Amino acid sequence: MLLCALERVAASVSGGDRGNKLAHTLLTSCRDMDAGYRHACASSTPDEFVRRISHVARHAKRTKATLMLLTQLEYLPLAETRELIVEARGLANIFVDSRNTAKRRRKLKLG
């Protein structure tokens, strides 16, 4: 859902080359987050899951940061991006918590 919403918002970015580059970064990081999550869910080992979900968390954080930057530079209005920023923040928190839980469980099994 976030990806579809961001594709609509990115199409409305104004600001010439800089705005277009930021919109491209936004979409790339969100697509990578989406694909990475599917790959993380298909992980065959706990170590692989931790590695992949860490990658997903980085992309979620980058998505949120780019969205905030587009808003701060006034390429996008805050009214359009507020809910998307909150959703991106929530996803980043979920991915980080998933990684931390997987690490903790792995440690308990090894310990």
PDB file of N, CA and C in Angstrom:
ATOM      1  N   MET A   1       0.815  -1.184   0.000  1.00  0.00           N
ATOM      2  CA  MET A   1       0.000   0.000   0.000  1.00  0.00           C
ATOM      3  C   MET A   1       0.865   1.255   0.000  1.00  0.00           C
ATOM      4  N   LEU A   2       1.924   1.249   0.802  1.00  0.00           N
ATOM      5  CA  LEU A   2       2.809   2.404   0.858  1.00  0.00           C
ATOM      6  C   LEU A   2       3.427   2.668  -0.507  1.00  0.00           C
ATOM      7  N   LEU A   3       3.837   1.608  -1.193  1.00  0.00           N
ATOM      8  CA  LEU A   3       4.468   1.768  -2.499  1.00  0.00           C
ATOM      9  C   LEU A   3       3.522   2.437  -3.488  1.00  0.00           C
ATOM     10  N   CYS A   4       2.287   2.003  -3.541  1.00  0.00           N
ATOM     11  CA  CYS A   4       1.309   2.599  -4.462  1.00  0.00           C
ATOM     12  C   CYS A   4       1.090   4.077  -4.145  1.00  0.00           C
ATOM     13  N   ALA A   5       0.970   4.384  -2.874  1.00  0.00           N
ATOM     14  CA  ALA A   5       0.761   5.777  -2.465  1.00  0.00           C
ATOM     15  C   ALA A   5       1.974   6.622  -2.817  1.00  0.00           C
ATOM     16  N   LEU A   6       3.167   6.078  -2.603  1.00  0.00           N
ATOM     17  CA  LEU A   6       4.381   6.836  -2.913  1.00  0.00           C
ATOM     18  C   LEU A   6       4.553   7.041  -4.409  1.00  0.00           C
ATOM     19  N   GLU A   7       4.122   6.083  -5.208  1.00  0.00           N
ATOM     20  CA  GLU A   7       4.196   6.260  -6.665  1.00  0.00           C
ATOM     21  C   GLU A   7       3.313   7.416  -7.111  1.00  0.00           C
ATOM     22  N   ARG A   8       2.134   7.534  -6.513  1.00  0.00           N
ATOM     23  CA  ARG A   8       1.246   8.656  -6.846  1.00  0.00           C
ATOM     24  C   ARG A   8       1.852   9.983  -6.402  1.00  0.00           C
ATOM     25  N   VAL A   9       2.396  10.005  -5.185  1.00  0.00           N
ATOM     26  CA  VAL A   9       2.968  11.234  -4.643  1.00  0.00           C
ATOM     27  C   VAL A   9       4.219  11.636  -5.424  1.00  0.00           C
ATOM     28  N   ALA A  10       5.060  10.672  -5.745  1.00  0.00           N
ATOM     29  CA  ALA A  10       6.305  10.976  -6.468  1.00  0.00           C
ATOM     30  C   ALA A  10       6.027  11.589  -7.833  1.00  0.00           C
ATOM     31  N   ALA A  11       4.929  11.206  -8.445  1.00  0.00           N
ATOM     32  CA  ALA A  11       4.581  11.762  -9.754  1.00  0.00           C
ATOM     33  C   ALA A  11       4.239  13.249  -9.653  1.00  0.00           C
ATOM     34  N   SER A  12       3.866  13.706  -8.474  1.00  0.00           N
ATOM     35  CA  SER A  12       3.481  15.109  -8.316  1.00  0.00           C
ATOM     36  C   SER A  12       4.620  15.989  -7.799  1.00  0.00           C
ATOM     37  N   VAL A  13       5.818  15.417  -7.668  1.00  0.00           N
ATOM     38  CA  VAL A  13       6.963  16.197  -7.171  1.00  0.00           C
ATOM     39  C   VAL A  13       7.354  17.236  -8.217  1.00  0.00           C
ATOM     40  N   SER A  14       7.485  18.447  -7.727  1.00  0.00           N
ATOM     41  CA  SER A  14       7.990  19.517  -8.587  1.00  0.00           C
ATOM     42  C   SER A  14       9.376  19.880  -8.086  1.00  0.00           C
ATOM     43  N   GLY A  15      10.117  20.632  -8.839  1.00  0.00           N
ATOM     44  CA  GLY A  15      11.426  21.054  -8.351  1.00  0.00           C
ATOM     45  C   GLY A  15      12.556  20.711  -9.286  1.00  0.00           C
ATOM     46  N   GLY A  16      12.246  20.418 -10.525  1.00  0.00           N
ATOM     47  CA  GLY A  16      13.298  20.179 -11.506  1.00  0.00           C
ATOM     48  C   GLY A  16      14.086  18.916 -11.247  1.00  0.00           C
ATOM     49  N   ASP A  17      15.374  18.982 -11.614  1.00  0.00           N
ATOM     50  CA  ASP A  17      16.234  17.803 -11.512  1.00  0.00           C
ATOM     51  C   ASP A  17      16.388  17.300 -10.077  1.00  0.00           C
ATOM     52  N   ARG A  18      16.579  18.227  -9.146  1.00  0.00           N
ATOM     53  CA  ARG A  18      16.766  17.816  -7.752  1.00  0.00           C
ATOM     54  C   ARG A  18      15.525  17.109  -7.210  1.00  0.00           C
ATOM     55  N   GLY A  19      14.373  17.666  -7.469  1.00  0.00           N
ATOM     56  CA  GLY A  19      13.133  17.039  -7.025  1.00  0.00           C
ATOM     57  C   GLY A  19      12.926  15.685  -7.670  1.00  0.00           C
ATOM     58  N   ASN A  20      13.237  15.589  -8.954  1.00  0.00           N
ATOM     59  CA  ASN A  20      13.087  14.310  -9.659  1.00  0.00           C
ATOM     60  C   ASN A  20      14.051  13.257  -9.125  1.00  0.00           C
ATOM     61  N   LYS A  21      15.282  13.659  -8.809  1.00  0.00           N
ATOM     62  CA  LYS A  21      16.253  12.707  -8.247  1.00  0.00           C
ATOM     63  C   LYS A  21      15.789  12.205  -6.881  1.00  0.00           C
ATOM     64  N   LEU A  22      15.278  13.110  -6.068  1.00  0.00           N
ATOM     65  CA  LEU A  22      14.775  12.703  -4.761  1.00  0.00           C
ATOM     66  C   LEU A  22      13.557  11.786  -4.897  1.00  0.00           C
ATOM     67  N   ALA A  23      12.683  12.083  -5.839  1.00  0.00           N
ATOM     68  CA  ALA A  23      11.515  11.223  -6.072  1.00  0.00           C
ATOM     69  C   ALA A  23      11.963   9.843  -6.537  1.00  0.00           C
ATOM     70  N   HIS A  24      12.987   9.794  -7.374  1.00  0.00           N
ATOM     71  CA  HIS A  24      13.520   8.511  -7.838  1.00  0.00           C
ATOM     72  C   HIS A  24      14.122   7.729  -6.669  1.00  0.00           C
ATOM     73  N   THR A  25      14.867   8.415  -5.806  1.00  0.00           N
ATOM     74  CA  THR A  25      15.439   7.779  -4.619  1.00  0.00           C
ATOM     75  C   THR A  25      14.334   7.229  -3.722  1.00  0.00           C
ATOM     76  N   LEU A  26      13.276   8.003  -3.560  1.00  0.00           N
ATOM     77  CA  LEU A  26      12.139   7.588  -2.744  1.00  0.00           C
ATOM     78  C   LEU A  26      11.529   6.295  -3.274  1.00  0.00           C
ATOM     79  N   LEU A  27      11.267   6.258  -4.561  1.00  0.00           N
ATOM     80  CA  LEU A  27      10.644   5.069  -5.150  1.00  0.00           C
ATOM     81  C   LEU A  27      11.583   3.868  -5.126  1.00  0.00           C
ATOM     82  N   THR A  28      12.855   4.096  -5.397  1.00  0.00           N
ATOM     83  CA  THR A  28      13.823   3.000  -5.395  1.00  0.00           C
ATOM     84  C   THR A  28      13.933   2.379  -4.011  1.00  0.00           C
ATOM     85  N   SER A  29      14.057   3.209  -2.989  1.00  0.00           N
ATOM     86  CA  SER A  29      14.196   2.665  -1.639  1.00  0.00           C
ATOM     87  C   SER A  29      12.925   1.947  -1.195  1.00  0.00           C
ATOM     88  N   CYS A  30      11.770   2.461  -1.584  1.00  0.00           N
ATOM     89  CA  CYS A  30      10.519   1.803  -1.208  1.00  0.00           C
ATOM     90  C   CYS A  30      10.358   0.471  -1.942  1.00  0.00           C
ATOM     91  N   ARG A  31      10.711   0.434  -3.212  1.00  0.00           N
ATOM     92  CA  ARG A  31      10.634  -0.833  -3.970  1.00  0.00           C
ATOM     93  C   ARG A  31      11.605  -1.860  -3.396  1.00  0.00           C
ATOM     94  N   ASP A  32      12.821  -1.405  -3.051  1.00  0.00           N
ATOM     95  CA  ASP A  32      13.799  -2.311  -2.454  1.00  0.00           C
ATOM     96  C   ASP A  32      13.315  -2.830  -1.104  1.00  0.00           C
ATOM     97  N   MET A  33      12.656  -1.967  -0.336  1.00  0.00           N
ATOM     98  CA  MET A  33      12.101  -2.381   0.944  1.00  0.00           C
ATOM     99  C   MET A  33      11.038  -3.459   0.723  1.00  0.00           C
ATOM    100  N   ASP A  34      10.166  -3.236  -0.231  1.00  0.00           N
ATOM    101  CA  ASP A  34       9.081  -4.173  -0.523  1.00  0.00           C
ATOM    102  C   ASP A  34       9.632  -5.531  -0.969  1.00  0.00           C
ATOM    103  N   ALA A  35      10.550  -5.517  -1.913  1.00  0.00           N
ATOM    104  CA  ALA A  35      11.137  -6.768  -2.408  1.00  0.00           C
ATOM    105  C   ALA A  35      11.966  -7.443  -1.322  1.00  0.00           C
ATOM    106  N   GLY A  36      12.718  -6.648  -0.576  1.00  0.00           N
ATOM    107  CA  GLY A  36      13.552  -7.199   0.485  1.00  0.00           C
ATOM    108  C   GLY A  36      12.739  -7.875   1.570  1.00  0.00           C
ATOM    109  N   TYR A  37      11.577  -7.325   1.871  1.00  0.00           N
ATOM    110  CA  TYR A  37      10.723  -7.936   2.885  1.00  0.00           C
ATOM    111  C   TYR A  37      10.257  -9.324   2.434  1.00  0.00           C
ATOM    112  N   ARG A  38       9.884  -9.428   1.173  1.00  0.00           N
ATOM    113  CA  ARG A  38       9.461 -10.732   0.651  1.00  0.00           C
ATOM    114  C   ARG A  38      10.613 -11.741   0.716  1.00  0.00           C
ATOM    115  N   HIS A  39      11.824 -11.276   0.405  1.00  0.00           N
ATOM    116  CA  HIS A  39      12.991 -12.151   0.480  1.00  0.00           C
ATOM    117  C   HIS A  39      13.287 -12.540   1.923  1.00  0.00           C
ATOM    118  N   ALA A  40      13.145 -11.585   2.851  1.00  0.00           N
ATOM    119  CA  ALA A  40      13.402 -11.880   4.264  1.00  0.00           C
ATOM    120  C   ALA A  40      12.427 -12.934   4.774  1.00  0.00           C
ATOM    121  N   CYS A  41      11.184 -12.833   4.365  1.00  0.00           N
ATOM    122  CA  CYS A  41      10.175 -13.805   4.803  1.00  0.00           C
ATOM    123  C   CYS A  41      10.477 -15.207   4.281  1.00  0.00           C
ATOM    124  N   ALA A  42      11.194 -15.285   3.177  1.00  0.00           N
ATOM    125  CA  ALA A  42      11.532 -16.580   2.585  1.00  0.00           C
ATOM    126  C   ALA A  42      12.896 -17.090   3.032  1.00  0.00           C
ATOM    127  N   SER A  43      13.488 -16.461   4.016  1.00  0.00           N
ATOM    128  CA  SER A  43      14.817 -16.854   4.492  1.00  0.00           C
ATOM    129  C   SER A  43      14.795 -18.269   5.030  1.00  0.00           C
ATOM    130  N   SER A  44      15.887 -18.968   4.783  1.00  0.00           N
ATOM    131  CA  SER A  44      15.944 -20.362   5.215  1.00  0.00           C
ATOM    132  C   SER A  44      16.648 -20.550   6.552  1.00  0.00           C
ATOM    133  N   THR A  45      17.367 -19.520   7.013  1.00  0.00           N
ATOM    134  CA  THR A  45      18.042 -19.613   8.304  1.00  0.00           C
ATOM    135  C   THR A  45      17.801 -18.332   9.102  1.00  0.00           C
ATOM    136  N   PRO A  46      17.933 -18.405  10.415  1.00  0.00           N
ATOM    137  CA  PRO A  46      17.792 -17.187  11.227  1.00  0.00           C
ATOM    138  C   PRO A  46      18.848 -16.127  10.878  1.00  0.00           C
ATOM    139  N   ASP A  47      20.067 -16.554  10.588  1.00  0.00           N
ATOM    140  CA  ASP A  47      21.111 -15.596  10.220  1.00  0.00           C
ATOM    141  C   ASP A  47      20.766 -14.865   8.928  1.00  0.00           C
ATOM    142  N   GLU A  48      20.247 -15.602   7.987  1.00  0.00           N
ATOM    143  CA  GLU A  48      19.847 -14.995   6.719  1.00  0.00           C
ATOM    144  C   GLU A  48      18.693 -14.016   6.936  1.00  0.00           C
ATOM    145  N   PHE A  49      17.748 -14.389   7.782  1.00  0.00           N
ATOM    146  CA  PHE A  49      16.633 -13.493   8.083  1.00  0.00           C
ATOM    147  C   PHE A  49      17.133 -12.195   8.704  1.00  0.00           C
ATOM    148  N   VAL A  50      18.028 -12.290   9.681  1.00  0.00           N
ATOM    149  CA  VAL A  50      18.556 -11.094  10.342  1.00  0.00           C
ATOM    150  C   VAL A  50      19.251 -10.200   9.330  1.00  0.00           C
ATOM    151  N   ARG A  51      20.054 -10.786   8.471  1.00  0.00           N
ATOM    152  CA  ARG A  51      20.767 -10.003   7.457  1.00  0.00           C
ATOM    153  C   ARG A  51      19.790  -9.311   6.513  1.00  0.00           C
ATOM    154  N   ARG A  52      18.801 -10.052   6.056  1.00  0.00           N
ATOM    155  CA  ARG A  52      17.855  -9.478   5.091  1.00  0.00           C
ATOM    156  C   ARG A  52      16.925  -8.447   5.728  1.00  0.00           C
ATOM    157  N   ILE A  53      16.448  -8.701   6.930  1.00  0.00           N
ATOM    158  CA  ILE A  53      15.528  -7.748   7.560  1.00  0.00           C
ATOM    159  C   ILE A  53      16.273  -6.481   7.965  1.00  0.00           C
ATOM    160  N   SER A  54      17.565  -6.585   8.242  1.00  0.00           N
ATOM    161  CA  SER A  54      18.375  -5.392   8.506  1.00  0.00           C
ATOM    162  C   SER A  54      18.446  -4.524   7.262  1.00  0.00           C
ATOM    163  N   HIS A  55      18.603  -5.149   6.133  1.00  0.00           N
ATOM    164  CA  HIS A  55      18.628  -4.440   4.847  1.00  0.00           C
ATOM    165  C   HIS A  55      17.278  -3.750   4.600  1.00  0.00           C
ATOM    166  N   VAL A  56      16.211  -4.444   4.897  1.00  0.00           N
ATOM    167  CA  VAL A  56      14.863  -3.893   4.732  1.00  0.00           C
ATOM    168  C   VAL A  56      14.662  -2.688   5.653  1.00  0.00           C
ATOM    169  N   ALA A  57      15.130  -2.792   6.880  1.00  0.00           N
ATOM    170  CA  ALA A  57      15.003  -1.681   7.838  1.00  0.00           C
ATOM    171  C   ALA A  57      15.746  -0.446   7.335  1.00  0.00           C
ATOM    172  N   ARG A  58      16.931  -0.639   6.753  1.00  0.00           N
ATOM    173  CA  ARG A  58      17.675   0.500   6.202  1.00  0.00           C
ATOM    174  C   ARG A  58      16.894   1.180   5.094  1.00  0.00           C
ATOM    175  N   HIS A  59      16.276   0.390   4.226  1.00  0.00           N
ATOM    176  CA  HIS A  59      15.484   0.976   3.129  1.00  0.00           C
ATOM    177  C   HIS A  59      14.241   1.687   3.657  1.00  0.00           C
ATOM    178  N   ALA A  60      13.640   1.159   4.699  1.00  0.00           N
ATOM    179  CA  ALA A  60      12.475   1.830   5.297  1.00  0.00           C
ATOM    180  C   ALA A  60      12.883   3.171   5.880  1.00  0.00           C
ATOM    181  N   LYS A  61      14.019   3.199   6.551  1.00  0.00           N
ATOM    182  CA  LYS A  61      14.515   4.466   7.110  1.00  0.00           C
ATOM    183  C   LYS A  61      14.850   5.459   6.000  1.00  0.00           C
ATOM    184  N   ARG A  62      15.450   4.965   4.916  1.00  0.00           N
ATOM    185  CA  ARG A  62      15.785   5.840   3.793  1.00  0.00           C
ATOM    186  C   ARG A  62      14.515   6.376   3.130  1.00  0.00           C
ATOM    187  N   THR A  63      13.494   5.551   3.032  1.00  0.00           N
ATOM    188  CA  THR A  63      12.214   5.990   2.464  1.00  0.00           C
ATOM    189  C   THR A  63      11.632   7.123   3.297  1.00  0.00           C
ATOM    190  N   LYS A  64      11.616   6.929   4.612  1.00  0.00           N
ATOM    191  CA  LYS A  64      11.078   7.960   5.502  1.00  0.00           C
ATOM    192  C   LYS A  64      11.896   9.240   5.408  1.00  0.00           C
ATOM    193  N   ALA A  65      13.211   9.117   5.420  1.00  0.00           N
ATOM    194  CA  ALA A  65      14.082  10.297   5.376  1.00  0.00           C
ATOM    195  C   ALA A  65      13.918  11.067   4.069  1.00  0.00           C
ATOM    196  N   THR A  66      13.794  10.360   2.968  1.00  0.00           N
ATOM    197  CA  THR A  66      13.629  11.024   1.675  1.00  0.00           C
ATOM    198  C   THR A  66      12.280  11.713   1.593  1.00  0.00           C
ATOM    199  N   LEU A  67      11.275  11.078   2.111  1.00  0.00           N
ATOM    200  CA  LEU A  67       9.942  11.685   2.139  1.00  0.00           C
ATOM    201  C   LEU A  67       9.945  12.957   2.985  1.00  0.00           C
ATOM    202  N   MET A  68      10.615  12.905   4.126  1.00  0.00           N
ATOM    203  CA  MET A  68      10.711  14.090   4.977  1.00  0.00           C
ATOM    204  C   MET A  68      11.498  15.201   4.284  1.00  0.00           C
ATOM    205  N   LEU A  69      12.566  14.835   3.570  1.00  0.00           N
ATOM    206  CA  LEU A  69      13.360  15.830   2.856  1.00  0.00           C
ATOM    207  C   LEU A  69      12.547  16.496   1.753  1.00  0.00           C
ATOM    208  N   LEU A  70      11.800  15.705   1.007  1.00  0.00           N
ATOM    209  CA  LEU A  70      10.937  16.272  -0.038  1.00  0.00           C
ATOM    210  C   LEU A  70       9.931  17.252   0.555  1.00  0.00           C
ATOM    211  N   THR A  71       9.458  16.951   1.743  1.00  0.00           N
ATOM    212  CA  THR A  71       8.507  17.840   2.410  1.00  0.00           C
ATOM    213  C   THR A  71       9.206  19.096   2.919  1.00  0.00           C
ATOM    214  N   GLN A  72      10.364  18.925   3.534  1.00  0.00           N
ATOM    215  CA  GLN A  72      11.099  20.077   4.070  1.00  0.00           C
ATOM    216  C   GLN A  72      11.535  21.038   2.978  1.00  0.00           C
ATOM    217  N   LEU A  73      11.897  20.496   1.823  1.00  0.00           N
ATOM    218  CA  LEU A  73      12.313  21.347   0.702  1.00  0.00           C
ATOM    219  C   LEU A  73      11.122  21.895  -0.080  1.00  0.00           C
ATOM    220  N   GLU A  74       9.922  21.562   0.397  1.00  0.00           N
ATOM    221  CA  GLU A  74       8.664  22.022  -0.174  1.00  0.00           C
ATOM    222  C   GLU A  74       8.425  21.549  -1.610  1.00  0.00           C
ATOM    223  N   TYR A  75       8.962  20.365  -1.910  1.00  0.00           N
ATOM    224  CA  TYR A  75       8.639  19.729  -3.187  1.00  0.00           C
ATOM    225  C   TYR A  75       7.292  19.020  -3.087  1.00  0.00           C
ATOM    226  N   LEU A  76       6.915  18.681  -1.866  1.00  0.00           N
ATOM    227  CA  LEU A  76       5.621  18.060  -1.598  1.00  0.00           C
ATOM    228  C   LEU A  76       4.980  18.757  -0.402  1.00  0.00           C
ATOM    229  N   PRO A  77       3.662  18.925  -0.414  1.00  0.00           N
ATOM    230  CA  PRO A  77       2.999  19.553   0.731  1.00  0.00           C
ATOM    231  C   PRO A  77       2.891  18.566   1.905  1.00  0.00           C
ATOM    232  N   LEU A  78       3.004  19.105   3.104  1.00  0.00           N
ATOM    233  CA  LEU A  78       2.937  18.286   4.317  1.00  0.00           C
ATOM    234  C   LEU A  78       1.613  17.532   4.419  1.00  0.00           C
ATOM    235  N   ALA A  79       0.544  18.150   3.966  1.00  0.00           N
ATOM    236  CA  ALA A  79      -0.773  17.500   4.040  1.00  0.00           C
ATOM    237  C   ALA A  79      -0.788  16.175   3.269  1.00  0.00           C
ATOM    238  N   GLU A  80      -0.036  16.104   2.168  1.00  0.00           N
ATOM    239  CA  GLU A  80       0.010  14.878   1.360  1.00  0.00           C
ATOM    240  C   GLU A  80       0.935  13.833   1.964  1.00  0.00           C
ATOM    241  N   THR A  81       1.933  14.262   2.690  1.00  0.00           N
ATOM    242  CA  THR A  81       2.972  13.328   3.130  1.00  0.00           C
ATOM    243  C   THR A  81       2.893  12.907   4.588  1.00  0.00           C
ATOM    244  N   ARG A  82       2.132  13.603   5.389  1.00  0.00           N
ATOM    245  CA  ARG A  82       2.097  13.324   6.830  1.00  0.00           C
ATOM    246  C   ARG A  82       1.801  11.847   7.122  1.00  0.00           C
ATOM    247  N   GLU A  83       0.732  11.322   6.571  1.00  0.00           N
ATOM    248  CA  GLU A  83       0.364   9.930   6.846  1.00  0.00           C
ATOM    249  C   GLU A  83       1.391   8.949   6.289  1.00  0.00           C
ATOM    250  N   LEU A  84       1.995   9.299   5.155  1.00  0.00           N
ATOM    251  CA  LEU A  84       3.001   8.423   4.557  1.00  0.00           C
ATOM    252  C   LEU A  84       4.267   8.377   5.417  1.00  0.00           C
ATOM    253  N   ILE A  85       4.640   9.518   5.982  1.00  0.00           N
ATOM    254  CA  ILE A  85       5.798   9.559   6.874  1.00  0.00           C
ATOM    255  C   ILE A  85       5.543   8.703   8.105  1.00  0.00           C
ATOM    256  N   VAL A  86       4.352   8.818   8.660  1.00  0.00           N
ATOM    257  CA  VAL A  86       3.989   8.019   9.842  1.00  0.00           C
ATOM    258  C   VAL A  86       4.017   6.532   9.494  1.00  0.00           C
ATOM    259  N   GLU A  87       3.503   6.170   8.337  1.00  0.00           N
ATOM    260  CA  GLU A  87       3.504   4.767   7.927  1.00  0.00           C
ATOM    261  C   GLU A  87       4.925   4.253   7.703  1.00  0.00           C
ATOM    262  N   ALA A  88       5.763   5.054   7.051  1.00  0.00           N
ATOM    263  CA  ALA A  88       7.157   4.656   6.825  1.00  0.00           C
ATOM    264  C   ALA A  88       7.892   4.495   8.150  1.00  0.00           C
ATOM    265  N   ARG A  89       7.637   5.398   9.089  1.00  0.00           N
ATOM    266  CA  ARG A  89       8.255   5.301  10.415  1.00  0.00           C
ATOM    267  C   ARG A  89       7.802   4.020  11.119  1.00  0.00           C
ATOM    268  N   GLY A  90       6.519   3.733  11.035  1.00  0.00           N
ATOM    269  CA  GLY A  90       5.995   2.525  11.655  1.00  0.00           C
ATOM    270  C   GLY A  90       6.597   1.260  11.060  1.00  0.00           C
ATOM    271  N   LEU A  91       6.740   1.234   9.737  1.00  0.00           N
ATOM    272  CA  LEU A  91       7.349   0.072   9.090  1.00  0.00           C
ATOM    273  C   LEU A  91       8.811  -0.081   9.507  1.00  0.00           C
ATOM    274  N   ALA A  92       9.532   1.017   9.556  1.00  0.00           N
ATOM    275  CA  ALA A  92      10.935   0.950   9.990  1.00  0.00           C
ATOM    276  C   ALA A  92      11.020   0.381  11.400  1.00  0.00           C
ATOM    277  N   ASN A  93      10.142   0.827  12.279  1.00  0.00           N
ATOM    278  CA  ASN A  93      10.133   0.320  13.658  1.00  0.00           C
ATOM    279  C   ASN A  93       9.811  -1.171  13.710  1.00  0.00           C
ATOM    280  N   ILE A  94       8.872  -1.598  12.895  1.00  0.00           N
ATOM    281  CA  ILE A  94       8.510  -3.022  12.838  1.00  0.00           C
ATOM    282  C   ILE A  94       9.695  -3.858  12.379  1.00  0.00           C
ATOM    283  N   PHE A  95      10.386  -3.398  11.332  1.00  0.00           N
ATOM    284  CA  PHE A  95      11.515  -4.162  10.806  1.00  0.00           C
ATOM    285  C   PHE A  95      12.672  -4.212  11.806  1.00  0.00           C
ATOM    286  N   VAL A  96      12.941  -3.113  12.465  1.00  0.00           N
ATOM    287  CA  VAL A  96      14.008  -3.087  13.476  1.00  0.00           C
ATOM    288  C   VAL A  96      13.643  -4.007  14.642  1.00  0.00           C
ATOM    289  N   ASP A  97      12.398  -3.955  15.091  1.00  0.00           N
ATOM    290  CA  ASP A  97      11.967  -4.837  16.180  1.00  0.00           C
ATOM    291  C   ASP A  97      12.043  -6.304  15.767  1.00  0.00           C
ATOM    292  N   SER A  98      11.682  -6.611  14.519  1.00  0.00           N
ATOM    293  CA  SER A  98      11.772  -7.990  14.032  1.00  0.00           C
ATOM    294  C   SER A  98      13.222  -8.469  14.039  1.00  0.00           C
ATOM    295  N   ARG A  99      14.122  -7.596  13.592  1.00  0.00           N
ATOM    296  CA  ARG A  99      15.538  -7.944  13.594  1.00  0.00           C
ATOM    297  C   ARG A  99      16.037  -8.188  15.017  1.00  0.00           C
ATOM    298  N   ASN A 100      15.682  -7.295  15.924  1.00  0.00           N
ATOM    299  CA  ASN A 100      16.137  -7.430  17.306  1.00  0.00           C
ATOM    300  C   ASN A 100      15.591  -8.693  17.965  1.00  0.00           C
ATOM    301  N   THR A 101      14.346  -9.015  17.685  1.00  0.00           N
ATOM    302  CA  THR A 101      13.753 -10.237  18.232  1.00  0.00           C
ATOM    303  C   THR A 101      14.461 -11.471  17.674  1.00  0.00           C
ATOM    304  N   ALA A 102      14.723 -11.475  16.378  1.00  0.00           N
ATOM    305  CA  ALA A 102      15.413 -12.619  15.769  1.00  0.00           C
ATOM    306  C   ALA A 102      16.822 -12.768  16.343  1.00  0.00           C
ATOM    307  N   LYS A 103      17.510 -11.654  16.554  1.00  0.00           N
ATOM    308  CA  LYS A 103      18.851 -11.717  17.144  1.00  0.00           C
ATOM    309  C   LYS A 103      18.794 -12.263  18.570  1.00  0.00           C
ATOM    310  N   ARG A 104      17.821 -11.793  19.334  1.00  0.00           N
ATOM    311  CA  ARG A 104      17.677 -12.239  20.722  1.00  0.00           C
ATOM    312  C   ARG A 104      17.362 -13.734  20.777  1.00  0.00           C
ATOM    313  N   ARG A 105      16.499 -14.203  19.916  1.00  0.00           N
ATOM    314  CA  ARG A 105      16.144 -15.630  19.898  1.00  0.00           C
ATOM    315  C   ARG A 105      17.337 -16.480  19.462  1.00  0.00           C
ATOM    316  N   ARG A 106      18.104 -15.966  18.510  1.00  0.00           N
ATOM    317  CA  ARG A 106      19.288 -16.701  18.040  1.00  0.00           C
ATOM    318  C   ARG A 106      20.286 -16.811  19.178  1.00  0.00           C
ATOM    319  N   LYS A 107      20.459 -15.738  19.924  1.00  0.00           N
ATOM    320  CA  LYS A 107      21.395 -15.725  21.057  1.00  0.00           C
ATOM    321  C   LYS A 107      20.960 -16.728  22.124  1.00  0.00           C
ATOM    322  N   LEU A 108      19.659 -16.796  22.400  1.00  0.00           N
ATOM    323  CA  LEU A 108      19.151 -17.728  23.408  1.00  0.00           C
ATOM    324  C   LEU A 108      19.396 -19.184  22.990  1.00  0.00           C
ATOM    325  N   LYS A 109      19.259 -19.474  21.708  1.00  0.00           N
ATOM    326  CA  LYS A 109      19.477 -20.834  21.227  1.00  0.00           C
ATOM    327  C   LYS A 109      20.960 -21.192  21.299  1.00  0.00           C
ATOM    328  N   LEU A 110      21.815 -20.227  21.014  1.00  0.00           N
ATOM    329  CA  LEU A 110      23.257 -20.486  21.045  1.00  0.00           C
ATOM    330  C   LEU A 110      23.810 -20.485  22.453  1.00  0.00           C
ATOM    331  N   GLY A 111      23.173 -19.703  23.325  1.00  0.00           N
ATOM    332  CA  GLY A 111      23.664 -19.477  24.684  1.00  0.00           C
ATOM    333  C   GLY A 111      23.539 -20.650  25.560  1.00  0.00           C
TER     334      GLY A 111
END
